[in-house]
């Protein structure tokens, strides 16, 4: 799991406290909640590493829940696993991951394990607006565009939502 989670600039889980899951996601992005299982997350921008004047949500834009939902699109579990894997590439393109064909099943196993924490009835969302929309789409070559929700040039990620928890797995790039 270190490979897949290590690709994320931000990987954190928080409790699900609201009917509107986006409220819980914004709390995770603002770093105002702790992981309910006390698992250690990953954050390249703890308070000491943020630019002067940056708020607790940096590098995420501090959206309200209703605004955030406008930039996130639902996807099924298998495409969600591929979205997580795609974060290994700086441009979020799984086809550019070194030896992807040889590592495909290893990486899929790791991603499924991470997402398995959220249970079989979890919902998943991404800011990639057309990812794996059609049944015959190739998860290695998704078509679409990013709806960036961060303050840097480009970002991509995955939100996992269960009845009890929400997870945010995100990476950022500066061009």
N, C-alpha and C. Protein backbone atom coordinates (compact mmCIF):
# COMPACT_ATOMS: atom_id res chain seq x y z
N UNK A 1 0.81 -1.19 0.00
CA UNK A 1 0.00 0.00 0.00
C UNK A 1 0.86 1.25 0.00
N UNK A 2 2.12 1.10 0.35
CA UNK A 2 2.99 2.27 0.37
C UNK A 2 3.13 2.88 -1.01
N UNK A 3 3.12 2.05 -2.04
CA UNK A 3 3.29 2.57 -3.39
C UNK A 3 2.14 3.48 -3.76
N UNK A 4 0.91 3.01 -3.61
CA UNK A 4 -0.26 3.80 -4.01
C UNK A 4 -0.45 4.99 -3.09
N UNK A 5 -0.43 4.79 -1.79
CA UNK A 5 -0.62 5.91 -0.87
C UNK A 5 0.55 6.88 -0.90
N UNK A 6 1.74 6.38 -1.17
CA UNK A 6 2.90 7.25 -1.26
C UNK A 6 2.84 8.20 -2.44
N UNK A 7 1.99 7.88 -3.41
CA UNK A 7 1.83 8.76 -4.57
C UNK A 7 0.99 9.98 -4.23
N UNK A 8 0.23 9.90 -3.19
CA UNK A 8 -0.67 11.00 -2.82
C UNK A 8 0.09 12.07 -2.05
N UNK A 9 -0.14 13.33 -2.43
CA UNK A 9 0.41 14.43 -1.65
C UNK A 9 -0.39 14.62 -0.37
N UNK A 10 -1.65 14.20 -0.43
CA UNK A 10 -2.54 14.31 0.72
C UNK A 10 -3.41 13.06 0.76
N UNK A 11 -3.36 12.34 1.85
CA UNK A 11 -4.19 11.15 2.05
C UNK A 11 -4.66 11.18 3.50
N UNK A 12 -5.95 11.38 3.69
CA UNK A 12 -6.46 11.51 5.04
C UNK A 12 -7.91 11.03 5.10
N UNK A 13 -8.29 10.54 6.25
CA UNK A 13 -9.65 10.03 6.48
C UNK A 13 -10.22 10.74 7.70
N UNK A 14 -11.51 11.02 7.63
CA UNK A 14 -12.20 11.63 8.76
C UNK A 14 -13.54 10.95 8.98
N UNK A 15 -14.20 11.30 10.07
CA UNK A 15 -15.49 10.70 10.37
C UNK A 15 -16.60 11.25 9.47
N UNK A 16 -17.60 10.45 9.24
CA UNK A 16 -18.80 10.89 8.53
C UNK A 16 -19.79 11.34 9.59
N UNK A 17 -20.01 12.63 9.69
CA UNK A 17 -20.88 13.19 10.73
C UNK A 17 -22.14 13.84 10.18
N UNK A 18 -22.17 14.09 8.88
CA UNK A 18 -23.28 14.82 8.28
C UNK A 18 -23.97 14.00 7.20
N UNK A 19 -25.22 14.27 6.99
CA UNK A 19 -25.94 13.63 5.89
C UNK A 19 -25.27 14.01 4.56
N UNK A 20 -24.85 15.25 4.47
CA UNK A 20 -24.15 15.75 3.28
C UNK A 20 -22.66 15.41 3.41
N UNK A 21 -22.22 14.37 2.72
CA UNK A 21 -20.83 13.91 2.81
C UNK A 21 -19.83 15.00 2.47
N UNK A 22 -20.20 15.96 1.62
CA UNK A 22 -19.25 17.01 1.22
C UNK A 22 -18.86 17.87 2.42
N UNK A 23 -19.72 18.00 3.41
CA UNK A 23 -19.34 18.73 4.63
C UNK A 23 -18.20 18.01 5.34
N UNK A 24 -18.27 16.71 5.37
CA UNK A 24 -17.22 15.93 6.02
C UNK A 24 -15.92 15.98 5.21
N UNK A 25 -16.03 15.98 3.90
CA UNK A 25 -14.85 16.07 3.04
C UNK A 25 -14.15 17.41 3.24
N UNK A 26 -14.90 18.50 3.30
CA UNK A 26 -14.26 19.80 3.51
C UNK A 26 -13.57 19.85 4.88
N UNK A 27 -14.12 19.16 5.87
CA UNK A 27 -13.47 19.11 7.19
C UNK A 27 -12.13 18.36 7.10
N UNK A 28 -12.10 17.28 6.33
CA UNK A 28 -10.84 16.55 6.13
C UNK A 28 -9.83 17.44 5.42
N UNK A 29 -10.28 18.12 4.37
CA UNK A 29 -9.38 19.01 3.62
C UNK A 29 -8.85 20.15 4.49
N UNK A 30 -9.65 20.60 5.43
CA UNK A 30 -9.23 21.68 6.33
C UNK A 30 -8.44 21.16 7.52
N UNK A 31 -8.25 19.84 7.56
CA UNK A 31 -7.46 19.22 8.62
C UNK A 31 -8.06 19.49 10.01
N UNK A 32 -9.39 19.57 10.07
CA UNK A 32 -10.05 19.88 11.34
C UNK A 32 -10.63 18.65 12.03
N UNK A 33 -10.41 17.47 11.46
CA UNK A 33 -10.89 16.22 12.06
C UNK A 33 -9.77 15.19 12.04
N UNK A 34 -9.88 14.22 12.91
CA UNK A 34 -8.89 13.14 13.00
C UNK A 34 -9.46 11.86 12.40
N UNK A 35 -8.58 10.99 11.99
CA UNK A 35 -8.98 9.69 11.49
C UNK A 35 -9.67 8.93 12.62
N UNK A 36 -10.90 8.44 12.40
CA UNK A 36 -11.62 7.74 13.46
C UNK A 36 -10.92 6.46 13.94
N UNK A 37 -10.05 5.90 13.12
CA UNK A 37 -9.33 4.69 13.52
C UNK A 37 -7.89 5.00 13.93
N UNK A 38 -7.58 6.29 13.98
CA UNK A 38 -6.24 6.77 14.36
C UNK A 38 -5.15 6.29 13.41
N UNK A 39 -5.51 6.01 12.16
CA UNK A 39 -4.51 5.64 11.17
C UNK A 39 -3.78 6.91 10.75
N UNK A 40 -2.52 6.75 10.46
CA UNK A 40 -1.69 7.88 10.05
C UNK A 40 -1.92 8.20 8.58
N UNK A 41 -2.19 9.46 8.29
CA UNK A 41 -2.36 9.91 6.91
C UNK A 41 -1.04 10.40 6.35
N UNK A 42 -1.14 11.09 5.24
CA UNK A 42 0.05 11.64 4.58
C UNK A 42 -0.30 13.05 4.13
N UNK A 43 0.55 14.02 4.45
CA UNK A 43 0.26 15.42 4.14
C UNK A 43 1.57 16.13 3.85
N UNK A 44 1.75 16.54 2.59
CA UNK A 44 2.96 17.30 2.23
C UNK A 44 2.92 18.74 2.72
N UNK A 45 1.74 19.18 3.20
CA UNK A 45 1.60 20.56 3.63
C UNK A 45 1.11 20.68 5.06
N UNK A 46 1.85 20.14 6.03
CA UNK A 46 1.47 20.43 7.42
C UNK A 46 1.64 21.94 7.64
N UNK A 47 1.13 22.45 8.72
CA UNK A 47 1.11 23.90 8.96
C UNK A 47 2.48 24.54 8.70
N UNK A 48 3.56 23.93 9.14
CA UNK A 48 4.89 24.51 9.00
C UNK A 48 5.37 24.58 7.55
N UNK A 49 4.79 23.78 6.67
CA UNK A 49 5.25 23.73 5.28
C UNK A 49 4.39 24.59 4.34
N UNK A 50 3.32 25.16 4.84
CA UNK A 50 2.45 25.98 3.98
C UNK A 50 3.05 27.36 3.78
N UNK A 51 2.79 27.96 2.61
CA UNK A 51 3.28 29.32 2.38
C UNK A 51 2.69 30.29 3.42
N UNK A 52 3.40 31.36 3.70
CA UNK A 52 2.90 32.37 4.64
C UNK A 52 1.51 32.84 4.24
N UNK A 53 0.63 32.91 5.20
CA UNK A 53 -0.73 33.37 4.96
C UNK A 53 -1.69 32.30 4.46
N UNK A 54 -1.18 31.11 4.14
CA UNK A 54 -2.05 30.03 3.65
C UNK A 54 -2.87 29.48 4.81
N UNK A 55 -4.13 29.21 4.53
CA UNK A 55 -5.03 28.68 5.55
C UNK A 55 -4.85 27.18 5.74
N UNK A 56 -5.62 26.61 6.64
CA UNK A 56 -5.48 25.19 6.96
C UNK A 56 -5.87 24.25 5.82
N UNK A 57 -6.63 24.73 4.85
CA UNK A 57 -7.02 23.88 3.73
C UNK A 57 -5.97 23.80 2.64
N UNK A 58 -4.96 24.66 2.67
CA UNK A 58 -3.96 24.70 1.61
C UNK A 58 -3.35 23.32 1.39
N UNK A 59 -3.18 22.89 0.14
CA UNK A 59 -3.36 23.59 -1.11
C UNK A 59 -4.77 23.49 -1.71
N UNK A 60 -5.71 22.93 -0.95
CA UNK A 60 -7.09 22.93 -1.43
C UNK A 60 -7.68 24.33 -1.31
N UNK A 61 -8.52 24.71 -2.26
CA UNK A 61 -9.31 25.92 -2.12
C UNK A 61 -10.33 25.62 -1.01
N UNK A 62 -10.54 26.54 -0.08
CA UNK A 62 -11.46 26.26 1.03
C UNK A 62 -12.93 26.41 0.63
N UNK A 63 -13.38 25.50 -0.19
CA UNK A 63 -14.77 25.53 -0.66
C UNK A 63 -15.76 25.17 0.44
N UNK A 64 -16.96 25.70 0.30
CA UNK A 64 -18.10 25.21 1.09
C UNK A 64 -18.53 23.90 0.45
N UNK A 65 -19.28 23.09 1.19
CA UNK A 65 -19.69 21.76 0.71
C UNK A 65 -20.42 21.84 -0.64
N UNK A 66 -21.35 22.76 -0.77
CA UNK A 66 -22.11 22.88 -2.02
C UNK A 66 -21.23 23.22 -3.21
N UNK A 67 -20.24 24.06 -3.00
CA UNK A 67 -19.31 24.40 -4.08
C UNK A 67 -18.46 23.20 -4.45
N UNK A 68 -17.95 22.50 -3.46
CA UNK A 68 -17.07 21.37 -3.70
C UNK A 68 -17.77 20.30 -4.54
N UNK A 69 -19.01 19.99 -4.21
CA UNK A 69 -19.76 18.95 -4.94
C UNK A 69 -19.83 19.25 -6.44
N UNK A 70 -19.81 20.52 -6.83
CA UNK A 70 -19.90 20.90 -8.24
C UNK A 70 -18.68 20.42 -9.04
N UNK A 71 -17.58 20.17 -8.36
CA UNK A 71 -16.34 19.78 -9.04
C UNK A 71 -16.04 18.29 -8.95
N UNK A 72 -16.90 17.54 -8.30
CA UNK A 72 -16.66 16.11 -8.11
C UNK A 72 -17.69 15.28 -8.85
N UNK A 73 -17.22 14.21 -9.49
CA UNK A 73 -18.06 13.35 -10.31
C UNK A 73 -18.02 11.93 -9.76
N UNK A 74 -19.18 11.27 -9.73
CA UNK A 74 -19.21 9.90 -9.19
C UNK A 74 -18.52 8.92 -10.13
N UNK A 75 -17.99 7.86 -9.56
CA UNK A 75 -17.45 6.78 -10.36
C UNK A 75 -17.57 5.47 -9.58
N UNK A 76 -17.52 4.39 -10.33
CA UNK A 76 -17.67 3.05 -9.75
C UNK A 76 -16.36 2.61 -9.08
N UNK A 77 -16.42 1.54 -8.28
CA UNK A 77 -15.23 1.11 -7.53
C UNK A 77 -14.00 0.79 -8.38
N UNK A 78 -14.16 0.09 -9.50
CA UNK A 78 -12.98 -0.27 -10.30
C UNK A 78 -12.32 0.98 -10.90
N UNK A 79 -13.08 1.89 -11.50
CA UNK A 79 -12.45 3.13 -11.96
C UNK A 79 -11.86 3.95 -10.80
N UNK A 80 -12.45 3.84 -9.61
CA UNK A 80 -11.90 4.55 -8.46
C UNK A 80 -10.51 4.01 -8.13
N UNK A 81 -10.34 2.70 -8.22
CA UNK A 81 -9.02 2.11 -7.98
C UNK A 81 -8.01 2.63 -9.01
N UNK A 82 -8.42 2.72 -10.26
CA UNK A 82 -7.53 3.24 -11.30
C UNK A 82 -7.23 4.72 -11.09
N UNK A 83 -8.20 5.47 -10.60
CA UNK A 83 -7.94 6.89 -10.33
C UNK A 83 -6.87 7.00 -9.26
N UNK A 84 -6.95 6.17 -8.23
CA UNK A 84 -5.93 6.18 -7.18
C UNK A 84 -4.56 5.82 -7.76
N UNK A 85 -4.52 4.82 -8.60
CA UNK A 85 -3.26 4.42 -9.24
C UNK A 85 -2.70 5.54 -10.10
N UNK A 86 -3.56 6.25 -10.81
CA UNK A 86 -3.10 7.31 -11.72
C UNK A 86 -2.34 8.40 -10.98
N UNK A 87 -2.54 8.52 -9.68
CA UNK A 87 -1.84 9.55 -8.91
C UNK A 87 -0.35 9.27 -8.81
N UNK A 88 0.08 8.07 -9.21
CA UNK A 88 1.51 7.75 -9.25
C UNK A 88 2.24 8.54 -10.33
N UNK A 89 1.52 9.04 -11.32
CA UNK A 89 2.12 9.81 -12.41
C UNK A 89 1.89 11.30 -12.17
N UNK A 90 2.90 12.12 -12.42
CA UNK A 90 2.79 13.56 -12.19
C UNK A 90 1.68 14.20 -13.02
N UNK A 91 1.34 13.60 -14.15
CA UNK A 91 0.24 14.12 -14.98
C UNK A 91 -1.04 13.32 -14.80
N UNK A 92 -1.03 12.40 -13.83
CA UNK A 92 -2.20 11.59 -13.47
C UNK A 92 -2.66 10.69 -14.61
N UNK A 93 -1.71 10.14 -15.33
CA UNK A 93 -1.98 9.26 -16.47
C UNK A 93 -1.34 7.91 -16.19
N UNK A 94 -2.16 6.90 -15.94
CA UNK A 94 -1.65 5.58 -15.57
C UNK A 94 -0.77 4.96 -16.66
N UNK A 95 -0.97 5.33 -17.92
CA UNK A 95 -0.16 4.74 -18.99
C UNK A 95 1.30 5.17 -18.90
N UNK A 96 1.58 6.24 -18.18
CA UNK A 96 2.96 6.73 -18.07
C UNK A 96 3.68 6.22 -16.82
N UNK A 97 3.04 5.38 -16.05
CA UNK A 97 3.70 4.79 -14.87
C UNK A 97 4.70 3.75 -15.37
N UNK A 98 5.95 3.83 -14.92
CA UNK A 98 6.95 2.86 -15.38
C UNK A 98 6.49 1.42 -15.13
N UNK A 99 6.62 0.59 -16.16
CA UNK A 99 6.29 -0.83 -16.11
C UNK A 99 4.86 -1.09 -15.62
N UNK A 100 3.92 -0.25 -16.07
CA UNK A 100 2.54 -0.40 -15.61
C UNK A 100 1.97 -1.77 -15.96
N UNK A 101 2.29 -2.29 -17.12
CA UNK A 101 1.74 -3.61 -17.48
C UNK A 101 2.26 -4.69 -16.54
N UNK A 102 3.52 -4.62 -16.17
CA UNK A 102 4.09 -5.61 -15.27
C UNK A 102 3.64 -5.44 -13.82
N UNK A 103 3.24 -4.22 -13.47
CA UNK A 103 2.83 -3.92 -12.10
C UNK A 103 1.32 -3.77 -11.93
N UNK A 104 0.60 -3.94 -13.01
CA UNK A 104 -0.85 -3.69 -13.04
C UNK A 104 -1.59 -4.37 -11.88
N UNK A 105 -1.41 -5.66 -11.70
CA UNK A 105 -2.17 -6.40 -10.69
C UNK A 105 -1.71 -6.07 -9.28
N UNK A 106 -0.43 -5.82 -9.11
CA UNK A 106 0.10 -5.40 -7.81
C UNK A 106 -0.53 -4.06 -7.39
N UNK A 107 -0.52 -3.10 -8.31
CA UNK A 107 -1.06 -1.78 -8.01
C UNK A 107 -2.57 -1.81 -7.82
N UNK A 108 -3.26 -2.60 -8.65
CA UNK A 108 -4.71 -2.74 -8.47
C UNK A 108 -5.03 -3.36 -7.11
N UNK A 109 -4.24 -4.34 -6.70
CA UNK A 109 -4.44 -4.96 -5.40
C UNK A 109 -4.27 -3.96 -4.27
N UNK A 110 -3.23 -3.13 -4.36
CA UNK A 110 -3.00 -2.10 -3.34
C UNK A 110 -4.15 -1.11 -3.30
N UNK A 111 -4.56 -0.64 -4.47
CA UNK A 111 -5.64 0.34 -4.53
C UNK A 111 -6.94 -0.24 -3.99
N UNK A 112 -7.24 -1.46 -4.36
CA UNK A 112 -8.47 -2.10 -3.85
C UNK A 112 -8.41 -2.28 -2.34
N UNK A 113 -7.24 -2.57 -1.82
CA UNK A 113 -7.07 -2.72 -0.37
C UNK A 113 -7.33 -1.39 0.34
N UNK A 114 -6.76 -0.31 -0.17
CA UNK A 114 -6.98 1.02 0.40
C UNK A 114 -8.47 1.35 0.38
N UNK A 115 -9.09 1.18 -0.76
CA UNK A 115 -10.51 1.54 -0.90
C UNK A 115 -11.42 0.57 -0.15
N UNK A 116 -10.94 -0.63 0.10
CA UNK A 116 -11.72 -1.61 0.85
C UNK A 116 -12.03 -1.16 2.27
N UNK A 117 -11.23 -0.27 2.80
CA UNK A 117 -11.51 0.28 4.14
C UNK A 117 -12.91 0.86 4.21
N UNK A 118 -13.41 1.36 3.09
CA UNK A 118 -14.68 2.07 3.08
C UNK A 118 -15.88 1.15 2.83
N UNK A 119 -15.61 -0.13 2.66
CA UNK A 119 -16.67 -1.13 2.56
C UNK A 119 -17.25 -1.28 1.16
N UNK A 120 -18.06 -2.32 0.98
CA UNK A 120 -18.58 -2.65 -0.36
C UNK A 120 -19.64 -1.68 -0.86
N UNK A 121 -20.18 -0.84 0.00
CA UNK A 121 -21.24 0.08 -0.42
C UNK A 121 -20.76 1.53 -0.50
N UNK A 122 -19.45 1.72 -0.50
CA UNK A 122 -18.89 3.07 -0.54
C UNK A 122 -19.20 3.74 -1.88
N UNK A 123 -19.25 5.05 -1.83
CA UNK A 123 -19.37 5.87 -3.03
C UNK A 123 -18.03 6.54 -3.27
N UNK A 124 -17.71 6.76 -4.54
CA UNK A 124 -16.44 7.38 -4.90
C UNK A 124 -16.68 8.55 -5.84
N UNK A 125 -15.81 9.56 -5.70
CA UNK A 125 -15.92 10.77 -6.51
C UNK A 125 -14.52 11.21 -6.92
N UNK A 126 -14.44 11.83 -8.08
CA UNK A 126 -13.17 12.36 -8.57
C UNK A 126 -13.42 13.70 -9.23
N UNK A 127 -12.37 14.46 -9.41
CA UNK A 127 -12.49 15.74 -10.11
C UNK A 127 -12.14 15.60 -11.59
N UNK A 128 -12.06 14.38 -12.06
CA UNK A 128 -11.82 14.12 -13.49
C UNK A 128 -13.20 13.91 -14.11
N UNK A 129 -13.62 14.78 -15.01
CA UNK A 129 -15.03 14.89 -15.36
C UNK A 129 -15.62 13.86 -16.31
N UNK A 130 -14.84 12.93 -16.80
CA UNK A 130 -15.43 11.94 -17.71
C UNK A 130 -14.76 10.59 -17.53
N UNK A 131 -14.19 10.37 -16.36
CA UNK A 131 -13.38 9.18 -16.15
C UNK A 131 -14.21 7.91 -16.21
N UNK A 132 -13.87 7.03 -17.14
CA UNK A 132 -14.45 5.69 -17.22
C UNK A 132 -15.97 5.73 -17.29
N UNK A 133 -16.50 6.72 -17.98
CA UNK A 133 -17.95 6.90 -18.05
C UNK A 133 -18.64 5.78 -18.80
N UNK A 134 -18.08 5.36 -19.91
CA UNK A 134 -18.72 4.32 -20.72
C UNK A 134 -18.19 2.95 -20.33
N UNK A 135 -19.04 1.94 -20.47
CA UNK A 135 -18.68 0.58 -20.05
C UNK A 135 -17.44 0.06 -20.77
N UNK A 136 -17.22 0.47 -22.02
CA UNK A 136 -16.07 -0.05 -22.76
C UNK A 136 -14.86 0.87 -22.70
N UNK A 137 -14.90 1.88 -21.84
CA UNK A 137 -13.76 2.78 -21.72
C UNK A 137 -12.54 2.04 -21.17
N UNK A 138 -11.39 2.48 -21.58
CA UNK A 138 -10.15 1.89 -21.13
C UNK A 138 -9.66 2.68 -19.91
N UNK A 139 -9.59 2.06 -18.73
CA UNK A 139 -9.16 2.81 -17.55
C UNK A 139 -7.73 3.30 -17.65
N UNK A 140 -6.96 2.72 -18.56
CA UNK A 140 -5.59 3.16 -18.75
C UNK A 140 -5.51 4.42 -19.61
N UNK A 141 -6.55 4.71 -20.33
CA UNK A 141 -6.57 5.89 -21.20
C UNK A 141 -7.91 6.63 -21.06
N UNK A 142 -8.15 7.22 -19.91
CA UNK A 142 -9.41 7.93 -19.72
C UNK A 142 -9.47 9.18 -20.60
N UNK A 143 -10.66 9.58 -20.94
CA UNK A 143 -10.87 10.79 -21.73
C UNK A 143 -11.61 11.79 -20.85
N UNK A 144 -11.21 13.01 -20.85
CA UNK A 144 -11.90 14.02 -20.05
C UNK A 144 -10.95 15.12 -19.63
N UNK A 145 -11.37 15.87 -18.64
CA UNK A 145 -10.55 16.99 -18.16
C UNK A 145 -10.68 17.09 -16.64
N UNK A 146 -9.76 17.83 -16.05
CA UNK A 146 -9.73 17.99 -14.60
C UNK A 146 -10.48 19.24 -14.19
N UNK A 147 -11.21 19.14 -13.11
CA UNK A 147 -11.83 20.29 -12.45
C UNK A 147 -10.99 20.54 -11.20
N UNK A 148 -9.99 21.37 -11.34
CA UNK A 148 -9.04 21.56 -10.23
C UNK A 148 -9.72 22.19 -9.03
N UNK A 149 -9.41 21.68 -7.86
CA UNK A 149 -9.98 22.21 -6.62
C UNK A 149 -8.89 22.72 -5.68
N UNK A 150 -7.69 22.86 -6.24
CA UNK A 150 -6.56 23.32 -5.44
C UNK A 150 -6.05 24.66 -5.92
N UNK A 151 -5.10 25.19 -5.16
CA UNK A 151 -4.50 26.48 -5.48
C UNK A 151 -3.27 26.36 -6.39
N UNK A 152 -2.84 25.13 -6.65
CA UNK A 152 -1.69 24.94 -7.54
C UNK A 152 -2.20 24.76 -8.98
N UNK A 153 -1.29 24.53 -9.92
CA UNK A 153 -1.67 24.50 -11.34
C UNK A 153 -2.60 23.35 -11.72
N UNK A 154 -2.37 22.19 -11.18
CA UNK A 154 -3.12 21.00 -11.58
C UNK A 154 -3.27 20.09 -10.37
N UNK A 155 -4.43 19.47 -10.26
CA UNK A 155 -4.62 18.50 -9.19
C UNK A 155 -5.61 17.45 -9.62
N UNK A 156 -5.51 16.32 -8.96
CA UNK A 156 -6.40 15.21 -9.24
C UNK A 156 -6.50 14.35 -8.00
N UNK A 157 -7.66 13.76 -7.81
CA UNK A 157 -7.79 12.92 -6.64
C UNK A 157 -9.07 12.12 -6.60
N UNK A 158 -9.27 11.54 -5.44
CA UNK A 158 -10.38 10.64 -5.21
C UNK A 158 -10.93 10.87 -3.82
N UNK A 159 -12.26 10.88 -3.73
CA UNK A 159 -12.95 10.95 -2.45
C UNK A 159 -13.69 9.63 -2.28
N UNK A 160 -13.57 9.04 -1.10
CA UNK A 160 -14.29 7.81 -0.76
C UNK A 160 -15.26 8.14 0.36
N UNK A 161 -16.50 7.67 0.22
CA UNK A 161 -17.54 8.00 1.19
C UNK A 161 -18.25 6.72 1.64
N UNK A 162 -18.24 6.47 2.94
CA UNK A 162 -19.01 5.36 3.50
C UNK A 162 -19.99 5.95 4.51
N UNK A 163 -20.75 5.12 5.15
CA UNK A 163 -21.69 5.59 6.16
C UNK A 163 -20.97 6.16 7.38
N UNK A 164 -19.73 5.71 7.60
CA UNK A 164 -19.00 6.09 8.81
C UNK A 164 -17.79 7.00 8.60
N UNK A 165 -17.24 7.01 7.38
CA UNK A 165 -15.99 7.73 7.13
C UNK A 165 -15.97 8.35 5.75
N UNK A 166 -15.10 9.34 5.59
CA UNK A 166 -14.78 9.87 4.27
C UNK A 166 -13.26 9.90 4.12
N UNK A 167 -12.79 9.59 2.94
CA UNK A 167 -11.36 9.62 2.68
C UNK A 167 -11.06 10.56 1.53
N UNK A 168 -9.96 11.26 1.63
CA UNK A 168 -9.51 12.18 0.58
C UNK A 168 -8.09 11.77 0.18
N UNK A 169 -7.92 11.44 -1.09
CA UNK A 169 -6.63 11.02 -1.64
C UNK A 169 -6.34 11.94 -2.82
N UNK A 170 -5.31 12.80 -2.69
CA UNK A 170 -5.14 13.85 -3.69
C UNK A 170 -3.68 14.10 -3.99
N UNK A 171 -3.42 14.52 -5.23
CA UNK A 171 -2.08 14.94 -5.62
C UNK A 171 -2.17 16.24 -6.40
N UNK A 172 -1.08 16.98 -6.37
CA UNK A 172 -1.02 18.31 -6.99
C UNK A 172 0.23 18.42 -7.84
N UNK A 173 0.16 19.30 -8.83
CA UNK A 173 1.32 19.53 -9.69
C UNK A 173 1.42 21.01 -10.02
N UNK A 174 2.64 21.47 -10.15
CA UNK A 174 2.87 22.82 -10.62
C UNK A 174 3.54 22.70 -11.98
N UNK A 175 2.97 23.39 -12.94
CA UNK A 175 3.50 23.30 -14.31
C UNK A 175 4.59 24.31 -14.57
